[in-house]
PDB file of N, CA and C in Angstrom:
ATOM      1  N   MET A   1     -92.078  48.239  36.553  1.00  0.00           N
ATOM      2  CA  MET A   1     -92.009  49.049  35.301  1.00  0.00           C
ATOM      3  C   MET A   1     -91.212  48.267  34.286  1.00  0.00           C
ATOM      4  N   LYS A   2     -91.640  48.333  33.042  1.00  0.00           N
ATOM      5  CA  LYS A   2     -90.973  47.659  31.955  1.00  0.00           C
ATOM      6  C   LYS A   2     -90.432  48.651  30.937  1.00  0.00           C
ATOM      7  N   LEU A   3     -89.298  48.350  30.355  1.00  0.00           N
ATOM      8  CA  LEU A   3     -88.635  49.289  29.448  1.00  0.00           C
ATOM      9  C   LEU A   3     -88.343  48.648  28.114  1.00  0.00           C
ATOM     10  N   LEU A   4     -88.391  49.494  27.045  1.00  0.00           N
ATOM     11  CA  LEU A   4     -87.954  49.114  25.766  1.00  0.00           C
ATOM     12  C   LEU A   4     -86.911  50.123  25.301  1.00  0.00           C
ATOM     13  N   LEU A   5     -85.657  49.665  25.080  1.00  0.00           N
ATOM     14  CA  LEU A   5     -84.582  50.540  24.650  1.00  0.00           C
ATOM     15  C   LEU A   5     -84.632  50.796  23.122  1.00  0.00           C
ATOM     16  N   ASP A   6     -84.580  52.052  22.781  1.00  0.00           N
ATOM     17  CA  ASP A   6     -84.529  52.458  21.384  1.00  0.00           C
ATOM     18  C   ASP A   6     -83.243  51.883  20.784  1.00  0.00           C
ATOM     19  N   GLU A   7     -83.216  51.841  19.429  1.00  0.00           N
ATOM     20  CA  GLU A   7     -82.075  51.324  18.743  1.00  0.00           C
ATOM     21  C   GLU A   7     -80.780  52.037  18.996  1.00  0.00           C
ATOM     22  N   HIS A   8     -80.836  53.257  19.503  1.00  0.00           N
ATOM     23  CA  HIS A   8     -79.576  53.980  19.755  1.00  0.00           C
ATOM     24  C   HIS A   8     -78.748  53.360  20.887  1.00  0.00           C
ATOM     25  N   HIS A   9     -79.392  52.655  21.781  1.00  0.00           N
ATOM     26  CA  HIS A   9     -78.721  52.049  22.972  1.00  0.00           C
ATOM     27  C   HIS A   9     -78.375  50.615  22.752  1.00  0.00           C
ATOM     28  N   SER A  10     -77.240  50.271  23.286  1.00  0.00           N
ATOM     29  CA  SER A  10     -76.725  48.875  23.157  1.00  0.00           C
ATOM     30  C   SER A  10     -77.655  47.832  23.759  1.00  0.00           C
ATOM     31  N   PRO A  11     -77.877  46.713  23.062  1.00  0.00           N
ATOM     32  CA  PRO A  11     -78.681  45.666  23.595  1.00  0.00           C
ATOM     33  C   PRO A  11     -78.024  45.066  24.812  1.00  0.00           C
ATOM     34  N   ARG A  12     -76.722  45.263  25.011  1.00  0.00           N
ATOM     35  CA  ARG A  12     -76.003  44.787  26.268  1.00  0.00           C
ATOM     36  C   ARG A  12     -76.639  45.372  27.478  1.00  0.00           C
ATOM     37  N   ILE A  13     -77.179  46.562  27.367  1.00  0.00           N
ATOM     38  CA  ILE A  13     -77.835  47.203  28.527  1.00  0.00           C
ATOM     39  C   ILE A  13     -79.061  46.398  28.930  1.00  0.00           C
ATOM     40  N   ALA A  14     -79.866  46.033  27.969  1.00  0.00           N
ATOM     41  CA  ALA A  14     -81.108  45.279  28.324  1.00  0.00           C
ATOM     42  C   ALA A  14     -80.723  43.927  28.865  1.00  0.00           C
ATOM     43  N   ALA A  15     -79.651  43.307  28.298  1.00  0.00           N
ATOM     44  CA  ALA A  15     -79.185  42.001  28.756  1.00  0.00           C
ATOM     45  C   ALA A  15     -78.755  42.050  30.228  1.00  0.00           C
ATOM     46  N   GLU A  16     -77.966  43.050  30.536  1.00  0.00           N
ATOM     47  CA  GLU A  16     -77.433  43.203  31.937  1.00  0.00           C
ATOM     48  C   GLU A  16     -78.581  43.462  32.930  1.00  0.00           C
ATOM     49  N   LEU A  17     -79.507  44.338  32.546  1.00  0.00           N
ATOM     50  CA  LEU A  17     -80.599  44.619  33.445  1.00  0.00           C
ATOM     51  C   LEU A  17     -81.561  43.412  33.588  1.00  0.00           C
ATOM     52  N   ALA A  18     -81.706  42.641  32.520  1.00  0.00           N
ATOM     53  CA  ALA A  18     -82.521  41.425  32.624  1.00  0.00           C
ATOM     54  C   ALA A  18     -81.843  40.420  33.548  1.00  0.00           C
ATOM     55  N   LYS A  19     -80.509  40.329  33.519  1.00  0.00           N
ATOM     56  CA  LYS A  19     -79.812  39.439  34.467  1.00  0.00           C
ATOM     57  C   LYS A  19     -80.081  39.831  35.931  1.00  0.00           C
ATOM     58  N   ALA A  20     -80.337  41.098  36.169  1.00  0.00           N
ATOM     59  CA  ALA A  20     -80.630  41.595  37.452  1.00  0.00           C
ATOM     60  C   ALA A  20     -82.099  41.468  37.817  1.00  0.00           C
ATOM     61  N   GLY A  21     -82.875  40.806  36.960  1.00  0.00           N
ATOM     62  CA  GLY A  21     -84.271  40.531  37.209  1.00  0.00           C
ATOM     63  C   GLY A  21     -85.220  41.620  36.794  1.00  0.00           C
ATOM     64  N   LEU A  22     -84.703  42.603  35.999  1.00  0.00           N
ATOM     65  CA  LEU A  22     -85.559  43.695  35.544  1.00  0.00           C
ATOM     66  C   LEU A  22     -86.052  43.428  34.129  1.00  0.00           C
ATOM     67  N   ASP A  23     -87.276  43.925  33.820  1.00  0.00           N
ATOM     68  CA  ASP A  23     -87.919  43.675  32.565  1.00  0.00           C
ATOM     69  C   ASP A  23     -87.570  44.748  31.550  1.00  0.00           C
ATOM     70  N   VAL A  24     -86.399  44.508  30.878  1.00  0.00           N
ATOM     71  CA  VAL A  24     -85.926  45.490  29.905  1.00  0.00           C
ATOM     72  C   VAL A  24     -85.561  44.720  28.658  1.00  0.00           C
ATOM     73  N   VAL A  25     -86.037  45.236  27.504  1.00  0.00           N
ATOM     74  CA  VAL A  25     -85.676  44.614  26.207  1.00  0.00           C
ATOM     75  C   VAL A  25     -85.161  45.687  25.295  1.00  0.00           C
ATOM     76  N   ALA A  26     -84.364  45.294  24.323  1.00  0.00           N
ATOM     77  CA  ALA A  26     -83.815  46.226  23.359  1.00  0.00           C
ATOM     78  C   ALA A  26     -84.545  46.075  22.006  1.00  0.00           C
ATOM     79  N   ALA A  27     -84.878  47.214  21.436  1.00  0.00           N
ATOM     80  CA  ALA A  27     -85.526  47.172  20.123  1.00  0.00           C
ATOM     81  C   ALA A  27     -84.693  46.476  19.052  1.00  0.00           C
ATOM     82  N   SER A  28     -83.375  46.690  19.133  1.00  0.00           N
ATOM     83  CA  SER A  28     -82.494  46.133  18.163  1.00  0.00           C
ATOM     84  C   SER A  28     -82.360  44.592  18.240  1.00  0.00           C
ATOM     85  N   SER A  29     -82.809  44.022  19.377  1.00  0.00           N
ATOM     86  CA  SER A  29     -82.742  42.547  19.584  1.00  0.00           C
ATOM     87  C   SER A  29     -84.077  41.869  19.221  1.00  0.00           C
ATOM     88  N   ARG A  30     -85.069  42.706  18.874  1.00  0.00           N
ATOM     89  CA  ARG A  30     -86.367  42.144  18.627  1.00  0.00           C
ATOM     90  C   ARG A  30     -86.676  42.059  17.155  1.00  0.00           C
ATOM     91  N   GLU A  31     -87.085  40.984  16.708  1.00  0.00           N
ATOM     92  CA  GLU A  31     -87.378  40.822  15.268  1.00  0.00           C
ATOM     93  C   GLU A  31     -88.359  41.791  14.729  1.00  0.00           C
ATOM     94  N   ARG A  32     -89.458  41.988  15.419  1.00  0.00           N
ATOM     95  CA  ARG A  32     -90.524  42.848  14.855  1.00  0.00           C
ATOM     96  C   ARG A  32     -90.323  44.366  15.076  1.00  0.00           C
ATOM     97  N   SER A  33     -89.294  44.738  15.883  1.00  0.00           N
ATOM     98  CA  SER A  33     -89.116  46.155  16.113  1.00  0.00           C
ATOM     99  C   SER A  33     -87.868  46.770  15.540  1.00  0.00           C
ATOM    100  N   GLY A  34     -87.066  46.011  14.804  1.00  0.00           N
ATOM    101  CA  GLY A  34     -85.888  46.544  14.222  1.00  0.00           C
ATOM    102  C   GLY A  34     -86.194  47.491  13.141  1.00  0.00           C
ATOM    103  N   ASN A  35     -85.554  48.696  13.179  1.00  0.00           N
ATOM    104  CA  ASN A  35     -85.651  49.664  12.108  1.00  0.00           C
ATOM    105  C   ASN A  35     -87.064  50.132  11.827  1.00  0.00           C
ATOM    106  N   ILE A  36     -87.834  50.294  12.873  1.00  0.00           N
ATOM    107  CA  ILE A  36     -89.203  50.856  12.678  1.00  0.00           C
ATOM    108  C   ILE A  36     -89.234  52.342  13.048  1.00  0.00           C
ATOM    109  N   SER A  37     -90.269  52.986  12.605  1.00  0.00           N
ATOM    110  CA  SER A  37     -90.408  54.408  12.899  1.00  0.00           C
ATOM    111  C   SER A  37     -90.576  54.654  14.386  1.00  0.00           C
ATOM    112  N   ASP A  38     -90.272  55.910  14.774  1.00  0.00           N
ATOM    113  CA  ASP A  38     -90.456  56.302  16.209  1.00  0.00           C
ATOM    114  C   ASP A  38     -91.928  56.109  16.653  1.00  0.00           C
ATOM    115  N   GLU A  39     -92.807  56.507  15.771  1.00  0.00           N
ATOM    116  CA  GLU A  39     -94.226  56.330  16.077  1.00  0.00           C
ATOM    117  C   GLU A  39     -94.590  54.867  16.325  1.00  0.00           C
ATOM    118  N   ASP A  40     -94.135  54.009  15.475  1.00  0.00           N
ATOM    119  CA  ASP A  40     -94.428  52.603  15.616  1.00  0.00           C
ATOM    120  C   ASP A  40     -93.694  51.973  16.856  1.00  0.00           C
ATOM    121  N   LEU A  41     -92.490  52.504  17.179  1.00  0.00           N
ATOM    122  CA  LEU A  41     -91.810  52.014  18.356  1.00  0.00           C
ATOM    123  C   LEU A  41     -92.563  52.397  19.643  1.00  0.00           C
ATOM    124  N   LEU A  42     -93.107  53.653  19.640  1.00  0.00           N
ATOM    125  CA  LEU A  42     -93.886  54.075  20.826  1.00  0.00           C
ATOM    126  C   LEU A  42     -95.190  53.269  20.892  1.00  0.00           C
ATOM    127  N   ALA A  43     -95.771  52.993  19.752  1.00  0.00           N
ATOM    128  CA  ALA A  43     -97.010  52.212  19.749  1.00  0.00           C
ATOM    129  C   ALA A  43     -96.717  50.756  20.220  1.00  0.00           C
ATOM    130  N   LEU A  44     -95.614  50.223  19.792  1.00  0.00           N
ATOM    131  CA  LEU A  44     -95.257  48.829  20.226  1.00  0.00           C
ATOM    132  C   LEU A  44     -95.054  48.807  21.759  1.00  0.00           C
ATOM    133  N   ALA A  45     -94.260  49.819  22.216  1.00  0.00           N
ATOM    134  CA  ALA A  45     -93.980  49.893  23.674  1.00  0.00           C
ATOM    135  C   ALA A  45     -95.284  50.097  24.435  1.00  0.00           C
ATOM    136  N   ALA A  46     -96.165  50.965  23.953  1.00  0.00           N
ATOM    137  CA  ALA A  46     -97.448  51.173  24.655  1.00  0.00           C
ATOM    138  C   ALA A  46     -98.304  49.900  24.694  1.00  0.00           C
ATOM    139  N   SER A  47     -98.244  49.138  23.621  1.00  0.00           N
ATOM    140  CA  SER A  47     -99.100  47.889  23.568  1.00  0.00           C
ATOM    141  C   SER A  47     -98.567  46.860  24.546  1.00  0.00           C
ATOM    142  N   GLU A  48     -97.275  46.956  24.931  1.00  0.00           N
ATOM    143  CA  GLU A  48     -96.684  46.058  25.906  1.00  0.00           C
ATOM    144  C   GLU A  48     -96.555  46.622  27.272  1.00  0.00           C
ATOM    145  N   GLY A  49     -97.040  47.848  27.444  1.00  0.00           N
ATOM    146  CA  GLY A  49     -96.917  48.507  28.775  1.00  0.00           C
ATOM    147  C   GLY A  49     -95.526  48.865  29.103  1.00  0.00           C
ATOM    148  N   ARG A  50     -94.669  49.145  28.101  1.00  0.00           N
ATOM    149  CA  ARG A  50     -93.228  49.508  28.313  1.00  0.00           C
ATOM    150  C   ARG A  50     -93.035  50.980  28.080  1.00  0.00           C
ATOM    151  N   ALA A  51     -92.133  51.588  28.834  1.00  0.00           N
ATOM    152  CA  ALA A  51     -91.659  52.974  28.580  1.00  0.00           C
ATOM    153  C   ALA A  51     -90.527  52.797  27.580  1.00  0.00           C
ATOM    154  N   VAL A  52     -90.419  53.763  26.665  1.00  0.00           N
ATOM    155  CA  VAL A  52     -89.353  53.798  25.713  1.00  0.00           C
ATOM    156  C   VAL A  52     -88.167  54.589  26.322  1.00  0.00           C
ATOM    157  N   VAL A  53     -86.954  54.028  26.211  1.00  0.00           N
ATOM    158  CA  VAL A  53     -85.709  54.721  26.602  1.00  0.00           C
ATOM    159  C   VAL A  53     -85.038  55.128  25.350  1.00  0.00           C
ATOM    160  N   THR A  54     -84.816  56.491  25.161  1.00  0.00           N
ATOM    161  CA  THR A  54     -84.253  56.949  23.905  1.00  0.00           C
ATOM    162  C   THR A  54     -83.430  58.203  24.127  1.00  0.00           C
ATOM    163  N   GLU A  55     -82.425  58.398  23.220  1.00  0.00           N
ATOM    164  CA  GLU A  55     -81.716  59.655  23.210  1.00  0.00           C
ATOM    165  C   GLU A  55     -82.232  60.541  22.046  1.00  0.00           C
ATOM    166  N   ASN A  56     -83.271  60.083  21.374  1.00  0.00           N
ATOM    167  CA  ASN A  56     -83.865  60.818  20.283  1.00  0.00           C
ATOM    168  C   ASN A  56     -84.845  61.870  20.901  1.00  0.00           C
ATOM    169  N   ILE A  57     -84.278  62.837  21.571  1.00  0.00           N
ATOM    170  CA  ILE A  57     -84.994  63.793  22.359  1.00  0.00           C
ATOM    171  C   ILE A  57     -86.045  64.584  21.533  1.00  0.00           C
ATOM    172  N   ALA A  58     -85.596  65.220  20.476  1.00  0.00           N
ATOM    173  CA  ALA A  58     -86.504  66.079  19.695  1.00  0.00           C
ATOM    174  C   ALA A  58     -87.681  65.292  19.182  1.00  0.00           C
ATOM    175  N   ASP A  59     -87.469  64.169  18.572  1.00  0.00           N
ATOM    176  CA  ASP A  59     -88.578  63.432  17.993  1.00  0.00           C
ATOM    177  C   ASP A  59     -89.547  62.868  19.001  1.00  0.00           C
ATOM    178  N   PHE A  60     -89.017  62.301  20.092  1.00  0.00           N
ATOM    179  CA  PHE A  60     -89.883  61.707  21.060  1.00  0.00           C
ATOM    180  C   PHE A  60     -90.629  62.754  21.913  1.00  0.00           C
ATOM    181  N   CYS A  61     -90.029  63.888  22.137  1.00  0.00           N
ATOM    182  CA  CYS A  61     -90.776  64.967  22.846  1.00  0.00           C
ATOM    183  C   CYS A  61     -91.950  65.397  22.030  1.00  0.00           C
ATOM    184  N   LEU A  62     -91.746  65.637  20.758  1.00  0.00           N
ATOM    185  CA  LEU A  62     -92.857  65.985  19.868  1.00  0.00           C
ATOM    186  C   LEU A  62     -93.920  64.868  19.744  1.00  0.00           C
ATOM    187  N   LEU A  63     -93.441  63.640  19.668  1.00  0.00           N
ATOM    188  CA  LEU A  63     -94.300  62.522  19.543  1.00  0.00           C
ATOM    189  C   LEU A  63     -95.181  62.375  20.791  1.00  0.00           C
ATOM    190  N   GLY A  64     -94.522  62.466  21.968  1.00  0.00           N
ATOM    191  CA  GLY A  64     -95.262  62.388  23.209  1.00  0.00           C
ATOM    192  C   GLY A  64     -96.327  63.465  23.368  1.00  0.00           C
ATOM    193  N   THR A  65     -95.925  64.707  22.965  1.00  0.00           N
ATOM    194  CA  THR A  65     -96.848  65.825  23.041  1.00  0.00           C
ATOM    195  C   THR A  65     -98.039  65.596  22.088  1.00  0.00           C
ATOM    196  N   ARG A  66     -97.750  65.139  20.884  1.00  0.00           N
ATOM    197  CA  ARG A  66     -98.822  64.871  19.925  1.00  0.00           C
ATOM    198  C   ARG A  66     -99.729  63.818  20.412  1.00  0.00           C
ATOM    199  N   TRP A  67     -99.239  62.733  20.962  1.00  0.00           N
ATOM    200  CA  TRP A  67    -100.073  61.669  21.494  1.00  0.00           C
ATOM    201  C   TRP A  67    -100.994  62.226  22.594  1.00  0.00           C
ATOM    202  N   THR A  68    -100.443  63.015  23.460  1.00  0.00           N
ATOM    203  CA  THR A  68    -101.256  63.614  24.545  1.00  0.00           C
ATOM    204  C   THR A  68    -102.380  64.470  23.987  1.00  0.00           C
ATOM    205  N   THR A  69    -102.040  65.310  23.022  1.00  0.00           N
ATOM    206  CA  THR A  69    -102.991  66.159  22.387  1.00  0.00           C
ATOM    207  C   THR A  69    -104.111  65.362  21.756  1.00  0.00           C
ATOM    208  N   GLU A  70    -103.720  64.215  21.161  1.00  0.00           N
ATOM    209  CA  GLU A  70    -104.691  63.377  20.463  1.00  0.00           C
ATOM    210  C   GLU A  70    -105.513  62.519  21.419  1.00  0.00           C
ATOM    211  N   GLY A  71    -105.148  62.565  22.722  1.00  0.00           N
ATOM    212  CA  GLY A  71    -105.892  61.676  23.692  1.00  0.00           C
ATOM    213  C   GLY A  71    -105.355  60.267  23.737  1.00  0.00           C
ATOM    214  N   ARG A  72    -104.179  60.058  23.135  1.00  0.00           N
ATOM    215  CA  ARG A  72    -103.562  58.699  23.162  1.00  0.00           C
ATOM    216  C   ARG A  72    -102.628  58.624  24.331  1.00  0.00           C
ATOM    217  N   SER A  73    -102.527  57.420  24.951  1.00  0.00           N
ATOM    218  CA  SER A  73    -101.638  57.298  26.059  1.00  0.00           C
ATOM    219  C   SER A  73    -100.514  56.264  25.736  1.00  0.00           C
ATOM    220  N   HIS A  74     -99.419  56.425  26.439  1.00  0.00           N
ATOM    221  CA  HIS A  74     -98.308  55.490  26.323  1.00  0.00           C
ATOM    222  C   HIS A  74     -97.847  55.232  27.764  1.00  0.00           C
ATOM    223  N   ALA A  75     -96.910  54.325  27.888  1.00  0.00           N
ATOM    224  CA  ALA A  75     -96.391  53.893  29.232  1.00  0.00           C
ATOM    225  C   ALA A  75     -95.223  54.766  29.743  1.00  0.00           C
ATOM    226  N   GLY A  76     -94.853  55.730  28.943  1.00  0.00           N
ATOM    227  CA  GLY A  76     -93.777  56.626  29.355  1.00  0.00           C
ATOM    228  C   GLY A  76     -92.615  56.704  28.368  1.00  0.00           C
ATOM    229  N   ILE A  77     -91.821  57.761  28.492  1.00  0.00           N
ATOM    230  CA  ILE A  77     -90.661  58.028  27.709  1.00  0.00           C
ATOM    231  C   ILE A  77     -89.551  58.441  28.612  1.00  0.00           C
ATOM    232  N   VAL A  78     -88.455  57.715  28.584  1.00  0.00           N
ATOM    233  CA  VAL A  78     -87.217  58.048  29.372  1.00  0.00           C
ATOM    234  C   VAL A  78     -86.243  58.666  28.400  1.00  0.00           C
ATOM    235  N   LEU A  79     -85.866  59.893  28.582  1.00  0.00           N
ATOM    236  CA  LEU A  79     -84.929  60.563  27.701  1.00  0.00           C
ATOM    237  C   LEU A  79     -83.539  60.535  28.309  1.00  0.00           C
ATOM    238  N   THR A  80     -82.561  60.131  27.430  1.00  0.00           N
ATOM    239  CA  THR A  80     -81.178  60.127  27.865  1.00  0.00           C
ATOM    240  C   THR A  80     -80.434  61.076  26.947  1.00  0.00           C
ATOM    241  N   HIS A  81     -79.566  61.932  27.559  1.00  0.00           N
ATOM    242  CA  HIS A  81     -78.816  62.914  26.734  1.00  0.00           C
ATOM    243  C   HIS A  81     -77.531  62.241  26.300  1.00  0.00           C
ATOM    244  N   PRO A  82     -77.193  62.405  25.026  1.00  0.00           N
ATOM    245  CA  PRO A  82     -75.929  61.761  24.527  1.00  0.00           C
ATOM    246  C   PRO A  82     -74.626  62.258  25.158  1.00  0.00           C
ATOM    247  N   ARG A  83     -74.695  63.499  25.744  1.00  0.00           N
ATOM    248  CA  ARG A  83     -73.500  63.956  26.420  1.00  0.00           C
ATOM    249  C   ARG A  83     -73.332  63.269  27.762  1.00  0.00           C
ATOM    250  N   LYS A  84     -74.396  62.972  28.418  1.00  0.00           N
ATOM    251  CA  LYS A  84     -74.298  62.294  29.730  1.00  0.00           C
ATOM    252  C   LYS A  84     -74.049  60.840  29.566  1.00  0.00           C
ATOM    253  N   PHE A  85     -74.680  60.160  28.578  1.00  0.00           N
ATOM    254  CA  PHE A  85     -74.472  58.747  28.293  1.00  0.00           C
ATOM    255  C   PHE A  85     -73.874  58.635  26.922  1.00  0.00           C
ATOM    256  N   ASN A  86     -72.657  59.085  26.764  1.00  0.00           N
ATOM    257  CA  ASN A  86     -71.971  59.135  25.526  1.00  0.00           C
ATOM    258  C   ASN A  86     -71.482  57.738  25.084  1.00  0.00           C
ATOM    259  N   ARG A  87     -71.976  57.247  23.972  1.00  0.00           N
ATOM    260  CA  ARG A  87     -71.679  55.905  23.465  1.00  0.00           C
ATOM    261  C   ARG A  87     -70.180  55.739  23.126  1.00  0.00           C
ATOM    262  N   ALA A  88     -69.489  56.822  22.921  1.00  0.00           N
ATOM    263  CA  ALA A  88     -68.055  56.753  22.572  1.00  0.00           C
ATOM    264  C   ALA A  88     -67.115  56.637  23.808  1.00  0.00           C
ATOM    265  N   ARG A  89     -67.687  56.856  24.992  1.00  0.00           N
ATOM    266  CA  ARG A  89     -66.879  56.814  26.221  1.00  0.00           C
ATOM    267  C   ARG A  89     -66.758  55.397  26.724  1.00  0.00           C
ATOM    268  N   SER A  90     -65.700  55.122  27.411  1.00  0.00           N
ATOM    269  CA  SER A  90     -65.486  53.789  28.016  1.00  0.00           C
ATOM    270  C   SER A  90     -66.540  53.510  29.119  1.00  0.00           C
ATOM    271  N   SER A  91     -67.042  54.552  29.724  1.00  0.00           N
ATOM    272  CA  SER A  91     -68.065  54.408  30.806  1.00  0.00           C
ATOM    273  C   SER A  91     -69.387  53.896  30.297  1.00  0.00           C
ATOM    274  N   TYR A  92     -69.614  53.943  28.959  1.00  0.00           N
ATOM    275  CA  TYR A  92     -70.839  53.446  28.365  1.00  0.00           C
ATOM    276  C   TYR A  92     -70.646  51.970  27.974  1.00  0.00           C
ATOM    277  N   PRO A  93     -71.522  51.079  28.228  1.00  0.00           N
ATOM    278  CA  PRO A  93     -72.904  51.286  28.662  1.00  0.00           C
ATOM    279  C   PRO A  93     -73.063  51.177  30.178  1.00  0.00           C
ATOM    280  N   GLY A  94     -71.980  51.004  30.957  1.00  0.00           N
ATOM    281  CA  GLY A  94     -72.090  50.841  32.425  1.00  0.00           C
ATOM    282  C   GLY A  94     -72.795  52.025  33.065  1.00  0.00           C
ATOM    283  N   SER A  95     -72.577  53.250  32.608  1.00  0.00           N
ATOM    284  CA  SER A  95     -73.201  54.404  33.238  1.00  0.00           C
ATOM    285  C   SER A  95     -74.693  54.352  33.066  1.00  0.00           C
ATOM    286  N   LEU A  96     -75.183  53.993  31.860  1.00  0.00           N
ATOM    287  CA  LEU A  96     -76.595  53.886  31.638  1.00  0.00           C
ATOM    288  C   LEU A  96     -77.227  52.686  32.330  1.00  0.00           C
ATOM    289  N   ILE A  97     -76.522  51.592  32.417  1.00  0.00           N
ATOM    290  CA  ILE A  97     -77.014  50.416  33.180  1.00  0.00           C
ATOM    291  C   ILE A  97     -77.287  50.830  34.584  1.00  0.00           C
ATOM    292  N   ALA A  98     -76.315  51.511  35.203  1.00  0.00           N
ATOM    293  CA  ALA A  98     -76.456  51.911  36.632  1.00  0.00           C
ATOM    294  C   ALA A  98     -77.593  52.877  36.790  1.00  0.00           C
ATOM    295  N   ALA A  99     -77.724  53.872  35.892  1.00  0.00           N
ATOM    296  CA  ALA A  99     -78.837  54.882  35.984  1.00  0.00           C
ATOM    297  C   ALA A  99     -80.182  54.229  35.817  1.00  0.00           C
ATOM    298  N   LEU A 100     -80.321  53.351  34.833  1.00  0.00           N
ATOM    299  CA  LEU A 100     -81.608  52.643  34.611  1.00  0.00           C
ATOM    300  C   LEU A 100     -81.947  51.701  35.757  1.00  0.00           C
ATOM    301  N   LYS A 101     -80.945  51.019  36.299  1.00  0.00           N
ATOM    302  CA  LYS A 101     -81.142  50.099  37.452  1.00  0.00           C
ATOM    303  C   LYS A 101     -81.679  50.897  38.659  1.00  0.00           C
ATOM    304  N   ASN A 102     -81.049  52.021  38.865  1.00  0.00           N
ATOM    305  CA  ASN A 102     -81.554  52.880  39.992  1.00  0.00           C
ATOM    306  C   ASN A 102     -82.961  53.389  39.703  1.00  0.00           C
ATOM    307  N   PHE A 103     -83.201  53.849  38.524  1.00  0.00           N
ATOM    308  CA  PHE A 103     -84.509  54.332  38.130  1.00  0.00           C
ATOM    309  C   PHE A 103     -85.582  53.239  38.332  1.00  0.00           C
ATOM    310  N   LEU A 104     -85.291  52.028  37.933  1.00  0.00           N
ATOM    311  CA  LEU A 104     -86.287  50.943  37.992  1.00  0.00           C
ATOM    312  C   LEU A 104     -86.467  50.417  39.444  1.00  0.00           C
ATOM    313  N   GLU A 105     -85.392  50.426  40.233  1.00  0.00           N
ATOM    314  CA  GLU A 105     -85.520  49.982  41.598  1.00  0.00           C
ATOM    315  C   GLU A 105     -86.221  50.951  42.474  1.00  0.00           C
ATOM    316  N   GLU A 106     -86.127  52.249  42.176  1.00  0.00           N
ATOM    317  CA  GLU A 106     -86.777  53.278  42.952  1.00  0.00           C
ATOM    318  C   GLU A 106     -87.443  54.326  42.028  1.00  0.00           C
ATOM    319  N   PRO A 107     -88.481  53.818  41.322  1.00  0.00           N
ATOM    320  CA  PRO A 107     -89.123  54.746  40.343  1.00  0.00           C
ATOM    321  C   PRO A 107     -89.898  55.883  41.042  1.00  0.00           C
ATOM    322  N   PRO A 108     -89.848  56.985  40.387  1.00  0.00           N
ATOM    323  CA  PRO A 108     -90.640  58.128  40.948  1.00  0.00           C
ATOM    324  C   PRO A 108     -92.115  57.826  40.708  1.00  0.00           C
ATOM    325  N   PRO A 109     -93.019  58.524  41.468  1.00  0.00           N
ATOM    326  CA  PRO A 109     -94.432  58.265  41.223  1.00  0.00           C
ATOM    327  C   PRO A 109     -94.835  58.908  39.888  1.00  0.00           C
ATOM    328  N   LEU A 110     -95.290  58.073  39.007  1.00  0.00           N
ATOM    329  CA  LEU A 110     -95.654  58.515  37.623  1.00  0.00           C
ATOM    330  C   LEU A 110     -97.002  58.013  37.257  1.00  0.00           C
ATOM    331  N   GLY A 111     -97.694  58.661  36.402  1.00  0.00           N
ATOM    332  CA  GLY A 111     -98.981  58.226  35.909  1.00  0.00           C
ATOM    333  C   GLY A 111     -98.784  57.573  34.564  1.00  0.00           C
ATOM    334  N   GLU A 112     -99.616  57.997  33.592  1.00  0.00           N
ATOM    335  CA  GLU A 112     -99.425  57.520  32.250  1.00  0.00           C
ATOM    336  C   GLU A 112     -98.998  58.663  31.339  1.00  0.00           C
ATOM    337  N   SER A 113     -98.379  58.320  30.280  1.00  0.00           N
ATOM    338  CA  SER A 113     -97.922  59.276  29.236  1.00  0.00           C
ATOM    339  C   SER A 113     -96.922  60.275  29.823  1.00  0.00           C
ATOM    340  N   TRP A 114     -96.033  59.833  30.705  1.00  0.00           N
ATOM    341  CA  TRP A 114     -95.070  60.716  31.320  1.00  0.00           C
ATOM    342  C   TRP A 114     -93.754  60.761  30.502  1.00  0.00           C
ATOM    343  N   VAL A 115     -92.983  61.804  30.720  1.00  0.00           N
ATOM    344  CA  VAL A 115     -91.645  61.942  30.122  1.00  0.00           C
ATOM    345  C   VAL A 115     -90.713  62.255  31.278  1.00  0.00           C
ATOM    346  N   TRP A 116     -89.634  61.533  31.315  1.00  0.00           N
ATOM    347  CA  TRP A 116     -88.637  61.595  32.417  1.00  0.00           C
ATOM    348  C   TRP A 116     -87.202  61.732  31.783  1.00  0.00           C
ATOM    349  N   TRP A 117     -86.490  62.722  32.336  1.00  0.00           N
ATOM    350  CA  TRP A 117     -85.052  62.904  31.978  1.00  0.00           C
ATOM    351  C   TRP A 117     -84.209  62.051  32.934  1.00  0.00           C
ATOM    352  N   LEU A 118     -83.363  61.224  32.378  1.00  0.00           N
ATOM    353  CA  LEU A 118     -82.511  60.404  33.164  1.00  0.00           C
ATOM    354  C   LEU A 118     -81.182  61.099  33.371  1.00  0.00           C
TER     355      LEU A 118
END
């Protein structure tokens, strides 16, 4: 499974997971994906077969539902709650790195266009 971290999350997370041999990239580290719309980010991720990791729960839930209704597919959406992975805490980004590493090493059985709460 491949992941694309939304701009909300530190690019350090992608770097640490990549060091562990996992295919994770950060939107904020990519030239063509910086500051793009949620729709375009999901489309970019889908074109690369990547699931989007985001804390933008409201927008991506609606976007995922709309894509499904329109018959469009994506590679998945991983939702992170800002209270659980609070960027102001000293445990961040380590807590999210550990959670994503566990998720990637033992992914649940998923199809296409899935949404998962981390």
